[in-house]
Protein backbone atom coordinates (compact mmCIF):
# COMPACT_ATOMS: atom_id res chain seq x y z
CA MET A 1 104.22 90.01 107.86
CA ASN A 2 102.46 92.79 110.90
CA ILE A 3 103.42 96.17 109.89
CA ILE A 4 102.06 99.47 111.52
CA ILE A 5 102.32 102.62 109.48
CA LEU A 6 102.21 105.81 111.01
CA GLY A 7 100.93 109.02 108.91
CA ALA A 8 98.11 108.47 105.85
CA GLY A 9 99.65 111.34 103.85
CA GLN A 10 101.00 110.92 100.33
CA VAL A 11 103.92 108.62 101.25
CA GLY A 12 102.10 106.53 104.14
CA SER A 13 99.13 106.16 102.08
CA SER A 14 101.33 104.80 99.05
CA VAL A 15 103.45 102.62 100.91
CA ALA A 16 99.81 100.44 102.69
CA GLU A 17 98.56 100.31 99.29
CA ASN A 18 101.99 98.79 97.91
CA LEU A 19 102.03 96.26 100.96
CA ALA A 20 98.39 95.84 101.04
CA SER A 21 98.32 93.94 97.99
CA GLU A 22 101.39 91.51 99.26
CA ALA A 23 99.56 89.19 101.99
CA ASN A 24 100.86 91.75 104.83
CA ASP A 25 98.50 92.83 107.63
CA ILE A 26 98.87 96.73 107.08
CA THR A 27 97.23 99.10 110.41
CA LEU A 28 97.57 102.56 109.51
CA VAL A 29 96.97 105.37 112.18
CA ASP A 30 96.38 109.03 111.68
CA THR A 31 94.35 111.92 113.22
CA ASN A 32 92.34 112.43 110.12
CA PRO A 33 89.47 109.84 109.93
CA VAL A 34 88.15 111.09 106.57
CA LEU A 35 91.23 110.35 105.00
CA LEU A 36 91.33 106.90 106.91
CA ASN A 37 87.68 106.02 106.21
CA ASP A 38 88.69 106.89 102.42
CA LEU A 39 91.72 104.43 102.45
CA SER A 40 90.00 101.65 104.32
CA ASP A 41 87.17 101.63 101.94
CA ARG A 42 89.68 101.45 98.86
CA LEU A 43 92.54 98.77 100.66
CA ASP A 44 92.17 95.80 102.53
CA ILE A 45 93.90 97.28 105.77
CA GLN A 46 92.98 98.48 109.38
CA THR A 47 92.61 101.95 110.20
CA ILE A 48 93.10 103.73 113.80
CA VAL A 49 92.73 107.28 114.56
CA GLY A 50 94.43 108.92 116.79
CA HIS A 51 98.51 110.60 117.69
CA ALA A 52 100.83 108.43 116.04
CA SER A 53 103.15 108.69 118.83
CA HIS A 54 100.64 108.02 122.16
CA PRO A 55 101.73 104.81 123.61
CA ASP A 56 97.82 104.07 123.96
CA VAL A 57 97.31 104.61 120.47
CA LEU A 58 99.79 102.21 119.03
CA LYS A 59 99.07 99.57 121.56
CA GLN A 60 95.40 100.06 120.00
CA ALA A 61 97.40 99.48 116.34
CA GLY A 62 98.79 95.94 117.67
CA ILE A 63 102.53 97.49 118.40
CA SER A 64 102.89 94.80 120.83
CA ASP A 65 102.44 92.15 117.88
CA ALA A 66 103.94 94.27 115.16
CA ASP A 67 106.75 93.03 112.98
CA MET A 68 107.70 96.78 111.78
CA LEU A 69 107.17 99.86 112.60
CA VAL A 70 106.85 102.35 109.84
CA ALA A 71 107.04 106.17 110.76
CA VAL A 72 106.46 108.47 107.69
CA THR A 73 104.19 111.22 109.49
CA ASN A 74 104.83 114.71 108.55
CA SER A 75 106.16 115.51 111.79
CA ASP A 76 110.01 114.25 111.99
CA GLU A 77 109.94 114.72 116.02
CA THR A 78 106.35 112.39 115.83
CA ASN A 79 108.36 109.63 113.97
CA ILE A 80 111.38 109.52 116.38
CA VAL A 81 109.14 109.97 119.32
CA ALA A 82 106.84 106.86 117.93
CA CYS A 83 109.92 104.22 117.31
CA GLN A 84 111.40 105.31 120.98
CA ILE A 85 108.22 104.29 122.25
CA ALA A 86 108.21 101.60 120.24
CA TYR A 87 111.51 99.93 121.15
CA SER A 88 111.34 100.80 125.12
CA LEU A 89 107.81 100.01 125.61
CA PHE A 90 107.05 97.07 123.11
CA HIS A 91 110.46 95.64 121.57
CA THR A 92 109.32 96.33 118.35
CA PRO A 93 112.02 94.65 115.87
CA THR A 94 112.27 96.79 112.73
CA LYS A 95 111.28 100.60 112.85
CA ILE A 96 111.68 102.73 109.84
CA ALA A 97 111.39 106.62 110.22
CA ARG A 98 111.00 109.55 107.95
CA VAL A 99 113.35 112.15 109.06
CA ARG A 100 113.82 115.36 106.80
CA SER A 101 115.59 117.88 108.91
CA HIS A 102 119.27 118.15 108.43
CA ALA A 103 119.76 119.54 112.44
CA TYR A 104 119.29 115.98 112.98
CA LEU A 105 120.24 114.27 110.15
CA LYS A 106 124.25 115.57 110.62
CA TYR A 107 124.72 113.63 113.68
CA ASN A 108 124.54 110.27 112.50
CA GLU A 109 125.74 109.17 116.10
CA LEU A 110 122.06 110.15 117.53
CA PHE A 111 120.11 107.00 115.63
CA ASN A 112 121.31 103.74 117.50
CA ASN A 113 119.51 101.75 120.21
CA ASN A 114 121.76 103.62 123.24
CA ALA A 115 120.17 107.33 121.76
CA LEU A 116 117.29 107.28 119.39
CA PRO A 117 116.42 103.69 118.76
CA ILE A 118 115.54 103.78 114.57
CA ASP A 119 116.74 101.11 112.23
CA VAL A 120 116.32 102.93 109.35
CA LEU A 121 116.24 106.53 108.14
CA ILE A 122 114.27 107.74 105.37
CA SER A 123 115.25 110.77 103.99
CA PRO A 124 112.81 112.20 101.25
CA GLU A 125 114.99 115.46 100.29
CA HIS A 126 117.94 113.30 99.84
CA LEU A 127 116.93 110.56 97.78
CA ILE A 128 115.02 113.19 95.77
CA ALA A 129 118.46 115.02 95.57
CA GLU A 130 120.10 111.73 94.40
CA HIS A 131 117.34 110.76 91.68
CA ILE A 132 117.73 114.30 90.06
CA GLN A 133 121.62 114.13 90.22
CA ARG A 134 121.61 110.99 88.32
CA LEU A 135 119.48 112.44 85.69
CA ILE A 136 121.67 115.06 85.33
CA GLU A 137 124.50 112.82 84.80
CA TYR A 138 122.89 111.07 82.08
CA PRO A 139 121.31 113.90 80.11
CA GLY A 140 118.26 112.31 78.01
CA ALA A 141 117.63 110.01 80.70
CA LEU A 142 113.80 109.13 81.95
CA GLN A 143 115.03 107.11 85.19
CA VAL A 144 118.40 106.10 86.38
CA MET A 145 118.34 103.63 89.34
CA ASP A 146 121.83 102.26 91.13
CA PHE A 147 122.27 98.70 91.95
CA ALA A 148 125.04 96.62 93.75
CA GLY A 149 126.55 100.00 95.31
CA GLY A 150 126.36 101.68 91.81
CA ARG A 151 128.66 99.44 90.16
CA ALA A 152 125.39 98.61 87.47
CA ARG A 153 122.65 100.89 86.38
CA LEU A 154 119.16 100.36 85.19
CA VAL A 155 118.32 103.63 82.98
CA GLY A 156 115.29 104.50 81.06
CA VAL A 157 115.33 106.34 77.56
CA LYS A 158 113.14 107.46 74.76
CA ALA A 159 114.52 105.87 71.52
CA TYR A 160 114.27 108.89 68.85
CA TYR A 161 114.75 108.53 65.21
CA GLY A 162 118.26 108.37 64.67
CA GLY A 163 119.17 106.28 67.20
CA THR A 164 121.50 103.57 65.47
CA LEU A 165 119.37 100.59 66.99
CA VAL A 166 116.17 102.05 66.26
CA GLY A 167 114.23 100.24 63.91
CA HIS A 168 116.52 97.23 64.38
CA GLU A 169 116.37 94.04 66.58
CA ILE A 170 117.79 94.27 69.75
CA ALA A 171 120.40 91.46 69.06
CA GLU A 172 122.13 94.04 66.67
CA LEU A 173 123.38 95.96 69.91
CA ARG A 174 125.84 93.27 70.33
CA LYS A 175 127.19 93.60 67.07
CA HIS A 176 127.16 97.50 67.21
CA ILE A 177 129.22 97.87 70.44
CA PRO A 178 130.92 94.17 70.90
CA ALA A 179 133.00 95.59 73.69
CA VAL A 180 130.17 96.54 76.00
CA ASP A 181 128.03 94.09 77.42
CA SER A 182 124.38 95.22 78.16
CA ARG A 183 120.99 94.05 78.35
CA VAL A 184 117.60 95.63 77.61
CA ALA A 185 115.47 94.58 80.41
CA ALA A 186 111.94 96.12 79.31
CA ILE A 187 110.52 97.76 76.93
CA PHE A 188 107.11 100.13 77.46
CA ARG A 189 105.18 100.94 73.67
CA ARG A 190 102.32 103.48 74.14
CA GLY A 191 101.97 102.47 77.75
CA LYS A 192 102.07 98.73 77.22
CA GLY A 193 105.11 96.78 78.97
CA ILE A 194 107.02 94.46 76.75
CA VAL A 195 109.31 91.89 77.96
CA PRO A 196 112.13 91.88 75.17
CA ASP A 197 113.71 88.89 73.24
CA GLY A 198 116.74 89.43 70.65
CA HIS A 199 114.23 89.82 67.81
CA GLN A 200 112.36 92.35 68.91
CA VAL A 201 112.55 95.43 66.96
CA ILE A 202 113.04 99.00 68.92
CA GLU A 203 110.53 101.54 67.71
CA ALA A 204 110.99 105.49 67.90
CA ASP A 205 108.99 106.99 71.05
CA ASP A 206 109.80 103.33 72.79
CA GLU A 207 110.81 103.82 76.59
CA VAL A 208 113.72 101.28 76.61
CA PHE A 209 114.86 100.11 79.69
CA PHE A 210 118.79 98.93 79.82
CA ILE A 211 121.19 97.85 82.21
CA ALA A 212 124.68 97.99 82.32
CA ALA A 213 127.90 98.58 84.16
CA ARG A 214 128.38 102.16 85.01
CA LYS A 215 131.00 102.95 83.12
CA ASP A 216 129.48 101.89 79.92
CA ILE A 217 125.69 103.83 80.04
CA ARG A 218 126.87 106.41 77.88
CA VAL A 219 127.83 103.97 74.94
CA VAL A 220 124.57 102.16 75.10
CA MET A 221 122.47 105.29 75.44
CA SER A 222 124.09 106.53 72.16
CA GLU A 223 122.46 103.45 70.28
CA LEU A 224 118.99 104.79 71.46
CA ARG A 225 119.17 108.04 71.09
CA LYS A 226 121.29 111.05 69.88
CA LEU A 227 123.39 111.89 72.69
CA ASP A 228 122.97 115.61 74.62
CA LYS A 229 125.45 118.16 75.14
CA PRO A 230 126.97 117.78 78.68
CA ILE A 231 125.02 119.90 80.77
CA LYS A 232 126.94 123.35 82.08
CA SER A 233 124.22 125.27 83.34
CA ILE A 234 121.14 124.68 85.94
CA MET A 235 118.51 126.86 87.15
CA LEU A 236 116.77 125.60 89.97
CA ALA A 237 112.75 126.82 91.07
CA GLY A 238 112.12 126.52 95.11
CA GLY A 239 115.06 126.55 97.85
CA GLY A 240 113.10 124.29 100.45
CA ASN A 241 115.44 121.45 101.54
CA ILE A 242 115.31 119.57 98.37
CA GLY A 243 116.36 122.90 96.12
CA LYS A 244 118.88 123.59 98.75
CA SER A 245 120.15 120.24 99.07
CA LEU A 246 120.49 119.89 95.02
CA ALA A 247 122.43 123.28 94.81
CA GLN A 248 124.82 122.12 97.73
CA SER A 249 125.74 119.17 95.43
CA LEU A 250 125.64 120.68 92.00
CA GLU A 251 127.42 123.94 92.66
CA HIS A 252 130.56 123.23 92.64
CA LYS A 253 130.36 121.07 88.99
CA PHE A 254 127.78 123.36 87.33
CA HIS A 255 126.43 126.97 87.00
CA VAL A 256 123.45 126.78 89.15
CA LYS A 257 121.02 129.40 89.76
CA LEU A 258 118.55 129.18 92.30
CA ILE A 259 115.14 131.44 92.51
CA ASP A 260 113.05 131.46 95.92
CA ARG A 261 110.09 134.06 96.38
CA ASN A 262 110.53 134.25 100.59
CA THR A 263 112.64 136.72 101.12
CA GLN A 264 114.15 135.40 104.43
CA ARG A 265 115.18 132.10 103.13
CA ALA A 266 116.57 133.51 99.75
CA ARG A 267 118.72 135.71 102.16
CA GLN A 268 119.60 132.69 104.30
CA LEU A 269 120.28 130.82 101.12
CA SER A 270 122.84 133.18 100.02
CA TYR A 271 124.83 132.92 103.19
CA ASP A 272 124.38 128.88 102.86
CA LEU A 273 125.78 128.29 99.30
CA ASN A 274 128.89 128.83 98.39
CA ASN A 275 128.87 128.71 94.40
CA THR A 276 125.29 129.28 93.56
CA ILE A 277 123.78 132.70 92.60
CA VAL A 278 120.40 132.69 94.44
CA LEU A 279 118.01 134.77 93.19
CA LEU A 280 114.54 136.83 94.82
CA GLY A 281 111.54 136.30 92.63
CA ASP A 282 108.53 134.27 91.09
CA ALA A 283 109.94 131.44 88.83
CA ALA A 284 106.95 131.78 87.00
CA ASP A 285 107.57 135.48 86.26
CA GLU A 286 108.83 135.68 82.44
CA SER A 287 110.58 138.90 83.02
CA LEU A 288 112.58 137.16 85.29
CA LEU A 289 113.66 134.20 83.45
CA LEU A 290 114.41 135.91 80.42
CA GLU A 291 116.68 138.59 82.17
CA GLU A 292 118.18 135.69 83.86
CA ASN A 293 118.95 133.91 80.30
CA ILE A 294 116.63 130.72 80.32
CA GLU A 295 117.23 129.89 76.93
CA GLN A 296 120.68 129.45 77.78
CA MET A 297 119.69 127.13 80.57
CA ASP A 298 120.79 123.02 80.08
CA VAL A 299 118.53 122.17 83.11
CA PHE A 300 115.61 123.65 84.90
CA CYS A 301 114.18 122.00 87.39
CA ALA A 302 110.67 122.76 89.63
CA LEU A 303 110.97 122.22 93.24
CA THR A 304 108.76 123.91 95.11
CA ASN A 305 106.12 121.84 97.47
CA ASP A 306 103.19 123.29 95.11
CA ASP A 307 102.71 121.02 91.98
CA GLU A 308 100.81 123.92 89.79
CA ALA A 309 103.43 126.53 90.81
CA ASN A 310 106.13 123.88 89.31
CA ILE A 311 104.33 122.51 86.15
CA LEU A 312 103.59 126.12 84.95
CA SER A 313 106.84 127.34 85.60
CA SER A 314 108.52 124.42 83.93
CA MET A 315 106.05 124.82 80.89
CA LEU A 316 106.93 128.70 80.61
CA ALA A 317 110.94 127.91 80.91
CA LYS A 318 110.45 125.16 78.43
CA ARG A 319 108.39 127.58 75.67
CA LEU A 320 111.33 130.07 76.35
CA GLY A 321 114.26 127.72 75.50
CA ALA A 322 115.55 126.02 78.66
CA ARG A 323 117.08 122.81 77.25
CA LYS A 324 115.45 120.14 79.64
CA VAL A 325 112.91 121.13 82.01
CA MET A 326 112.15 118.52 85.04
CA SER A 327 109.32 119.02 87.53
CA LEU A 328 108.53 117.81 91.04
CA ILE A 329 104.77 116.87 90.99
CA ASN A 330 103.05 114.58 93.59
CA ARG A 331 99.93 114.29 91.98
CA HIS A 332 99.72 111.03 89.99
CA ALA A 333 97.23 112.53 87.62
CA TYR A 334 99.19 115.44 86.54
CA VAL A 335 102.35 113.30 86.01
CA ASP A 336 100.51 111.41 83.52
CA LEU A 337 99.14 114.63 81.99
CA MET A 338 102.50 116.51 81.55
CA GLU A 339 104.47 113.43 80.35
CA SER A 340 101.72 112.30 77.88
CA GLU A 341 101.40 115.54 76.56
CA GLY A 342 105.48 116.36 76.13
CA ALA A 343 104.80 119.39 78.15
CA ILE A 344 107.97 118.57 80.43
CA ASP A 345 110.86 116.42 79.66
CA VAL A 346 110.87 114.67 83.19
CA ALA A 347 108.38 114.41 86.02
CA ILE A 348 109.81 113.30 89.07
CA SER A 349 107.06 111.94 91.74
CA PRO A 350 108.57 112.66 95.21
CA GLN A 351 106.46 109.66 96.70
CA GLN A 352 107.61 106.83 94.43
CA ILE A 353 111.27 107.93 95.08
CA THR A 354 110.67 107.45 98.78
CA ILE A 355 108.55 104.26 98.43
CA SER A 356 111.78 102.99 96.42
CA GLY A 357 113.91 103.79 99.64
CA LEU A 358 111.30 102.11 101.82
CA LEU A 359 110.34 99.07 100.10
CA ALA A 360 114.08 97.51 100.15
CA HIS A 361 113.53 97.33 103.96
CA VAL A 362 109.75 96.30 104.25
CA ARG A 363 110.43 93.81 101.97
CA ARG A 364 110.53 89.96 103.23
CA GLY A 365 113.68 87.69 102.02
CA ASP A 366 116.94 88.92 100.33
CA VAL A 367 115.74 91.81 98.62
CA VAL A 368 118.44 95.02 99.07
CA ALA A 369 117.59 97.55 96.59
CA VAL A 370 113.93 98.59 95.10
CA HIS A 371 113.06 101.03 92.69
CA SER A 372 109.41 101.66 91.53
CA LEU A 373 108.87 102.55 88.02
CA ARG A 374 106.46 103.70 85.58
CA ARG A 375 104.57 105.44 88.53
CA GLY A 376 104.57 101.85 90.82
CA ALA A 377 103.44 99.94 88.10
CA ALA A 378 106.40 98.27 87.44
CA GLU A 379 109.56 97.33 89.82
CA ALA A 380 113.09 96.59 89.60
CA ILE A 381 114.52 94.68 92.30
CA GLU A 382 117.96 93.50 93.75
CA ALA A 383 117.89 90.15 95.19
CA ILE A 384 120.85 87.33 96.53
CA ALA A 385 120.50 84.08 95.76
CA HIS A 386 121.59 81.42 98.60
CA GLY A 387 121.77 77.71 98.65
CA ASP A 388 123.07 75.13 95.97
CA SER A 389 121.35 73.15 93.35
CA GLY A 390 119.73 71.02 96.09
CA ASN A 391 117.64 73.53 98.16
CA SER A 392 117.30 76.77 95.92
CA LYS A 393 114.86 77.34 92.54
CA VAL A 394 117.62 79.59 91.24
CA VAL A 395 121.10 78.33 92.16
CA GLY A 396 123.35 76.01 90.22
CA LYS A 397 121.09 76.76 86.97
CA SER A 398 121.35 78.95 84.15
CA VAL A 399 119.65 82.19 83.29
CA ALA A 400 117.07 80.13 80.81
CA ASP A 401 116.21 77.50 83.22
CA VAL A 402 115.07 79.52 86.18
CA ARG A 403 111.40 79.76 85.87
CA LEU A 404 110.35 82.93 86.43
CA PRO A 405 106.71 84.78 86.61
CA GLU A 406 105.45 86.40 83.36
CA GLY A 407 106.67 89.45 82.81
CA THR A 408 109.48 89.07 84.93
CA THR A 409 113.44 89.38 83.50
CA ILE A 410 116.92 88.66 85.06
CA GLY A 411 118.81 91.99 83.55
CA ALA A 412 122.38 91.46 85.42
CA ILE A 413 124.24 89.58 88.09
CA ILE A 414 126.39 90.93 90.31
CA ARG A 415 129.14 88.72 91.65
CA GLY A 416 131.79 90.23 93.94
CA GLU A 417 132.84 93.20 92.17
CA GLU A 418 131.90 92.01 88.71
CA VAL A 419 129.08 92.84 86.76
CA ILE A 420 127.87 89.95 84.38
CA MET A 421 124.81 90.22 82.00
CA ALA A 422 122.07 87.80 82.10
CA HIS A 423 122.43 86.12 78.99
CA HIS A 424 120.61 82.38 78.71
CA ASP A 425 123.63 80.49 79.12
CA VAL A 426 125.27 82.44 82.24
CA VAL A 427 124.63 80.13 85.70
CA ILE A 428 123.92 81.53 88.77
CA GLU A 429 126.10 81.03 91.89
CA ASN A 430 125.69 81.10 95.54
CA GLU A 431 125.40 84.73 96.76
CA ASP A 432 125.05 86.51 93.45
CA HIS A 433 123.31 89.48 93.50
CA LEU A 434 120.41 89.01 90.90
CA ILE A 435 118.68 92.72 89.24
CA LEU A 436 115.49 91.71 88.27
CA PHE A 437 112.71 93.42 86.27
CA LEU A 438 108.96 93.08 86.90
CA LEU A 439 106.94 94.78 84.49
CA ASP A 440 103.62 94.13 87.45
CA LYS A 441 105.01 94.54 90.88
CA LYS A 442 101.72 91.99 91.93
CA LYS A 443 104.44 89.58 91.00
CA PHE A 444 106.69 90.10 93.59
CA ASN A 445 105.76 87.31 95.70
CA ALA A 446 106.34 84.64 92.84
CA VAL A 447 109.81 86.28 92.76
CA GLU A 448 110.35 86.22 96.26
CA LYS A 449 108.95 82.51 96.90
CA LEU A 450 112.16 81.79 93.91
CA PHE A 451 114.90 82.97 96.30
CA GLN A 452 113.89 80.86 99.26
CA VAL A 453 115.62 77.81 100.00
CA GLY A 454 115.29 74.60 101.42
CA VAL A 455 115.60 73.65 105.38
CA THR A 456 118.68 71.99 104.72
CA PHE A 457 120.38 74.92 104.12
CA PHE A 458 119.97 76.16 107.37
């Protein structure tokens, strides 16, 4: 696929890195030649120096032959104009744009071929807020991913001493909770991925990813760790787009406090938020945190644009008694360091969440959802099976008979409204949605080929 990416920032460079390894022709456009030179040295991509929305620059990048335009610069206006030009002048088939401002997003009727011709809108703030909401819904989870419109969820948790299943084989899960069907999709032990079978013994400190119907998530989690108390009080640090969006979605269910150091923004937030206590101050101010009873907070979440400020305020909140601490961290090195040292409970990577939102639209074939895991090393995908036993490599076969690439497992099958765990004897049918876990995302091309059907199907 011929893809042009506009913007070589954290999201654009991460998307380029993800897609360049999958036999795509990638051209990256940015105004910063130093940044582009560094990326072209590391990746097999073409680079163009220039303004992303200028027609001549797009033409130089090969927009006339492009299958897709991915506009992820830091400017909403540049991304929107680039999509308009790609549609009007070059008839580019698929146009994806990152749009961050709520001033645009609240008008859905703006985004169509008769107005602003953008096929897919990506709002990082919205995606990150949703991600954090799911973590709050399941206290103790490291990651929560939706599939099939939320009917099934893939959840990552850290197994603790005292968990019913810890020290036992996975097969015993069915005996402990016979009324609940679930499946362990992968285990990460000391940083190394393991494809589990029924005889695999779960150890304390394993990161276990399991899939289950949404209604059964808490029951399965209780087998791996003691369930945390329900969350009541939340403190947010940072009142930018993400902090404000998250506060608006949480304030009707929880007691929410939001800290921001900017006087004007704090005043505006106090007008915009109905049930949130807005505080003016520094989230790394120990006296302020103590004054606001940080030790009684179930969740402290640092959401500013500054990694160092987020890390420091989160570490302080944890030391002062906050039960669970989450921090927005952009730099991969910081994410690994903070989680490995146990300094914070959950490190949230904005670019990995945004990339997950993008990949489902960029990937070829019938892939309807993609979630990056383990800082992008692994992936969980939802793909649709088409055809019959004569022209499909998966339809008509049992799960055990599908020749999956090494390190790949089928976790569940969504058939209509039904969530079916992918046990070895389940037979895959036409139009089934399969949820697959890839320990190595580089295996995606091999997985994609499984879902291609012969010409007779058409």
